[in-house]
Amino acid sequence: MVKLESLKKSNQFKKVLKEKKVHSEYFSLFAAKNFYKPKSKNNLLISFVIKKKIGNAVKRNKIRRKLKAIIQKLIKKRGAINRDYTYIVFGKSNAYVEKEKVLLPTMIKCFKKIK
């Protein structure tokens, strides 16, 4: 089973933010080739970031949960996400009101652009 592993250090975030970028109206996706090893070979290095400007903690956590659920669905589909990359997903306020059915195809398109 694949687990999501988050980035911890500031320099890791900076390294990923300098590499590939894909933007949509619901989120921005940043990716870089894995520059450090995850704890397990099955783990996916991905972090979710939502700015405080978007709203209170309830709203930010709801966006984060939606995006994580979509990533979990994509992991089950073989080849949808390349595990050789480290990802950062910046959630936007539009993702709060939108359904997962709309967010899923958008996320798939963004991951295809990065490959």
Protein backbone atom coordinates (compact mmCIF):
# COMPACT_ATOMS: atom_id res chain seq x y z
CA MET A 1 0.00 0.00 0.00
CA VAL A 2 1.26 3.45 -0.93
CA LYS A 3 1.51 6.07 1.79
CA LEU A 4 1.76 9.80 1.32
CA GLU A 5 4.93 11.21 2.84
CA SER A 6 5.21 14.96 3.37
CA LEU A 7 8.21 17.21 2.94
CA LYS A 8 9.57 18.54 6.22
CA LYS A 9 12.34 21.05 5.61
CA SER A 10 12.35 24.48 4.01
CA ASN A 11 15.16 23.65 1.58
CA GLN A 12 13.17 20.65 0.27
CA PHE A 13 10.23 22.94 -0.53
CA LYS A 14 12.51 25.49 -2.20
CA LYS A 15 14.08 22.83 -4.40
CA VAL A 16 10.71 21.55 -5.64
CA LEU A 17 9.32 25.04 -6.23
CA LYS A 18 12.17 25.85 -8.65
CA GLU A 19 11.38 22.92 -10.97
CA LYS A 20 8.28 22.06 -13.07
CA LYS A 21 4.99 23.92 -12.55
CA VAL A 22 1.42 23.31 -13.69
CA HIS A 23 -1.46 25.60 -12.75
CA SER A 24 -5.22 25.12 -12.84
CA GLU A 25 -8.10 27.11 -11.39
CA TYR A 26 -8.36 24.73 -8.40
CA PHE A 27 -4.70 24.13 -7.50
CA SER A 28 -1.09 24.58 -8.57
CA LEU A 29 1.16 21.56 -8.88
CA PHE A 30 4.95 21.72 -8.52
CA ALA A 31 7.23 18.75 -9.19
CA ALA A 32 10.91 17.85 -9.10
CA LYS A 33 12.80 14.61 -9.60
CA ASN A 34 13.26 12.81 -6.28
CA PHE A 35 16.31 14.33 -4.65
CA TYR A 36 16.04 12.34 -1.44
CA LYS A 37 14.77 8.87 -0.66
CA PRO A 38 11.36 8.32 0.94
CA LYS A 39 11.20 6.19 4.10
CA SER A 40 9.77 3.30 2.11
CA LYS A 41 10.00 2.51 -1.61
CA ASN A 42 6.20 2.55 -1.83
CA ASN A 43 5.82 6.04 -0.34
CA LEU A 44 4.91 9.02 -2.50
CA LEU A 45 6.61 12.29 -1.59
CA ILE A 46 3.85 14.91 -1.72
CA SER A 47 2.90 17.94 0.37
CA PHE A 48 -0.32 19.92 0.42
CA VAL A 49 -0.18 23.65 1.09
CA ILE A 50 -3.15 25.97 1.57
CA LYS A 51 -2.58 29.64 2.36
CA LYS A 52 -4.17 31.21 5.42
CA LYS A 53 -5.62 33.90 3.19
CA ILE A 54 -8.08 31.33 1.77
CA GLY A 55 -10.07 31.02 5.00
CA ASN A 56 -10.27 29.55 8.45
CA ALA A 57 -8.80 26.19 9.47
CA VAL A 58 -12.03 24.31 8.70
CA LYS A 59 -12.07 25.52 5.10
CA ARG A 60 -8.34 24.91 4.58
CA ASN A 61 -8.53 21.38 6.01
CA LYS A 62 -11.55 20.56 3.84
CA ILE A 63 -9.59 21.57 0.72
CA ARG A 64 -6.59 19.52 1.91
CA ARG A 65 -8.78 16.45 2.54
CA LYS A 66 -10.38 16.71 -0.92
CA LEU A 67 -7.02 16.94 -2.63
CA LYS A 68 -5.60 14.03 -0.60
CA ALA A 69 -8.63 11.87 -1.47
CA ILE A 70 -8.11 12.58 -5.16
CA ILE A 71 -4.42 11.67 -4.91
CA GLN A 72 -5.36 8.39 -3.17
CA LYS A 73 -7.69 7.57 -6.10
CA LEU A 74 -4.97 8.38 -8.62
CA ILE A 75 -2.47 6.16 -6.82
CA LYS A 76 -4.80 3.19 -7.29
CA LYS A 77 -4.80 3.83 -11.05
CA ARG A 78 -1.52 2.45 -12.38
CA GLY A 79 0.61 5.03 -14.15
CA ALA A 80 -1.46 8.08 -13.20
CA ILE A 81 1.22 9.44 -10.86
CA ASN A 82 4.95 9.11 -11.47
CA ARG A 83 6.62 8.12 -8.17
CA ASP A 84 10.02 9.35 -9.38
CA TYR A 85 8.93 12.90 -8.57
CA THR A 86 8.42 14.90 -5.40
CA TYR A 87 5.24 17.00 -5.51
CA ILE A 88 3.78 20.06 -3.82
CA VAL A 89 0.10 20.88 -4.31
CA PHE A 90 -1.06 24.42 -3.52
CA GLY A 91 -4.81 24.38 -3.02
CA LYS A 92 -6.91 27.36 -4.14
CA SER A 93 -10.22 28.62 -2.76
CA ASN A 94 -12.16 27.38 -5.83
CA ALA A 95 -11.45 23.79 -4.75
CA TYR A 96 -13.59 24.30 -1.62
CA VAL A 97 -16.92 24.59 -3.45
CA GLU A 98 -16.14 22.21 -6.31
CA LYS A 99 -17.02 18.51 -6.29
CA GLU A 100 -14.44 15.73 -6.54
CA LYS A 101 -15.91 14.71 -9.91
CA VAL A 102 -14.67 17.99 -11.37
CA LEU A 103 -11.34 18.07 -9.53
CA LEU A 104 -10.29 14.51 -10.50
CA PRO A 105 -10.01 15.05 -14.30
CA THR A 106 -8.22 18.34 -13.72
CA MET A 107 -5.69 16.63 -11.46
CA ILE A 108 -5.14 13.86 -14.03
CA LYS A 109 -4.42 16.45 -16.75
CA CYS A 110 -1.92 18.24 -14.52
CA PHE A 111 -0.03 15.05 -13.68
CA LYS A 112 0.10 14.10 -17.40
CA LYS A 113 1.67 17.48 -18.22
CA ILE A 114 4.47 16.84 -15.74
CA LYS A 115 5.52 13.45 -17.16
